[in-house]
Amino acid sequence: MTATMKTQADLEKAFRDIRASTGWNLDGDNAWGFFFFDTDPKLLDQLSDELVTGGYRRVNLFEMDADGWMLHVERVERHDPVSLFARNGVLTKMAKDRGIAAYDGWDVAPVAVKKA
């Protein structure tokens, strides 16, 4: 589920909807993905390096179409609607400050359980 939420109330609804449709436990650690869009892959590559230094994992940088590129990073952490709203604000500002066209939103999935 990728979602760009404008308000904390939007996020509260998204959390309710995710819980209802998936049964996932959103109260613990999950894999939170974050997406950025630009026409210049070099800008996204630079942002990726900065985010990786900050504890994110680069998932992919791929060409969406002739119009641009998408960077997908993720980090395993806990969020609630308040903390995710704050994180969205930080990432939006980060994109704007670096001349990146858009912070494009987030997704979430349970952390895969590794079997020994």
Protein backbone atom coordinates (compact mmCIF):
# COMPACT_ATOMS: atom_id res chain seq x y z
CA MET A 1 0.00 0.00 0.00
CA THR A 2 1.57 3.25 -1.06
CA ALA A 3 -0.02 6.28 0.38
CA THR A 4 0.61 9.97 0.58
CA MET A 5 -1.33 11.29 3.51
CA LYS A 6 -1.94 14.98 3.98
CA THR A 7 -3.20 14.93 7.55
CA GLN A 8 -2.76 12.93 10.70
CA ALA A 9 -6.45 11.99 10.46
CA ASP A 10 -5.70 10.44 7.03
CA LEU A 11 -3.00 8.33 8.66
CA GLU A 12 -5.27 7.27 11.50
CA LYS A 13 -7.77 6.04 8.92
CA ALA A 14 -5.02 4.29 6.95
CA PHE A 15 -3.85 2.45 10.07
CA ARG A 16 -7.43 1.32 10.82
CA ASP A 17 -7.91 0.20 7.21
CA ILE A 18 -4.61 -1.71 7.11
CA ARG A 19 -5.41 -3.49 10.37
CA ALA A 20 -8.93 -4.36 9.17
CA SER A 21 -7.90 -5.59 5.72
CA THR A 22 -4.69 -7.43 6.61
CA GLY A 23 -4.76 -8.31 10.30
CA TRP A 24 -1.17 -7.06 10.59
CA ASN A 25 0.13 -5.95 13.95
CA LEU A 26 1.10 -2.33 13.38
CA ASP A 27 2.05 -1.83 17.03
CA GLY A 28 5.48 -3.43 16.68
CA ASP A 29 8.36 -3.28 14.23
CA ASN A 30 7.41 -3.32 10.56
CA ALA A 31 9.20 -2.67 7.28
CA TRP A 32 8.30 0.91 6.36
CA GLY A 33 9.03 1.85 2.75
CA PHE A 34 9.41 5.41 1.54
CA PHE A 35 9.37 6.63 -2.08
CA PHE A 36 10.86 9.61 -3.90
CA PHE A 37 10.32 10.71 -7.50
CA ASP A 38 12.48 12.81 -9.83
CA THR A 39 13.52 13.06 -13.47
CA ASP A 40 17.22 12.97 -12.49
CA PRO A 41 18.39 9.60 -11.18
CA LYS A 42 21.63 11.21 -9.93
CA LEU A 43 19.69 13.34 -7.44
CA LEU A 44 17.88 10.25 -6.19
CA ASP A 45 21.15 8.35 -5.98
CA GLN A 46 22.64 11.09 -3.81
CA LEU A 47 19.56 11.09 -1.59
CA SER A 48 19.78 7.31 -1.33
CA ASP A 49 23.37 7.55 -0.07
CA GLU A 50 22.30 10.07 2.56
CA LEU A 51 19.34 7.97 3.68
CA VAL A 52 21.44 4.79 3.88
CA THR A 53 23.87 6.67 6.13
CA GLY A 54 20.83 7.52 8.27
CA GLY A 55 19.85 3.87 8.73
CA TYR A 56 17.59 3.22 5.74
CA ARG A 57 18.11 0.36 3.30
CA ARG A 58 18.02 1.11 -0.41
CA VAL A 59 15.52 -1.22 -2.01
CA ASN A 60 15.52 0.02 -5.58
CA LEU A 61 16.06 2.93 -7.94
CA PHE A 62 14.11 2.32 -11.11
CA GLU A 63 12.90 4.15 -14.17
CA MET A 64 9.15 4.61 -13.91
CA ASP A 65 8.71 5.69 -17.51
CA ALA A 66 10.14 8.32 -19.81
CA ASP A 67 9.07 10.96 -17.29
CA GLY A 68 11.11 9.94 -14.28
CA TRP A 69 12.69 7.69 -11.71
CA MET A 70 11.55 6.29 -8.36
CA LEU A 71 13.73 5.66 -5.32
CA HIS A 72 12.44 3.15 -2.77
CA VAL A 73 14.11 2.94 0.65
CA GLU A 74 12.94 1.19 3.78
CA ARG A 75 13.66 0.91 7.45
CA VAL A 76 12.40 -1.51 10.07
CA GLU A 77 10.90 0.54 12.87
CA ARG A 78 7.74 1.29 14.80
CA HIS A 79 5.26 3.93 13.74
CA ASP A 80 1.89 5.14 14.82
CA PRO A 81 -0.09 7.81 12.98
CA VAL A 82 1.65 10.60 14.91
CA SER A 83 5.20 9.39 14.28
CA LEU A 84 4.50 8.54 10.63
CA PHE A 85 3.00 11.98 10.08
CA ALA A 86 6.18 13.51 11.51
CA ARG A 87 8.39 11.23 9.37
CA ASN A 88 6.44 12.20 6.24
CA GLY A 89 7.09 15.85 7.08
CA VAL A 90 10.83 15.25 7.49
CA LEU A 91 11.06 13.31 4.21
CA THR A 92 9.00 15.89 2.31
CA LYS A 93 11.31 18.66 3.55
CA MET A 94 14.38 16.57 2.75
CA ALA A 95 13.21 16.09 -0.84
CA LYS A 96 12.36 19.77 -1.24
CA ASP A 97 15.68 20.93 0.24
CA ARG A 98 17.59 18.72 -2.21
CA GLY A 99 15.63 19.79 -5.29
CA ILE A 100 13.88 16.44 -5.68
CA ALA A 101 10.52 16.65 -7.41
CA ALA A 102 8.53 14.73 -4.80
CA TYR A 103 8.48 12.62 -1.71
CA ASP A 104 5.88 10.23 -3.09
CA GLY A 105 4.66 8.43 0.01
CA TRP A 106 5.06 5.29 2.04
CA ASP A 107 4.08 1.68 2.36
CA VAL A 108 4.29 -0.90 5.12
CA ALA A 109 4.67 -4.65 5.39
CA PRO A 110 5.36 -7.05 8.21
CA VAL A 111 9.01 -7.84 8.84
CA ALA A 112 9.76 -11.22 7.29
CA VAL A 113 10.50 -13.83 9.91
CA LYS A 114 13.81 -15.53 9.15
CA LYS A 115 13.90 -19.24 9.87
CA ALA A 116 17.13 -20.85 10.96
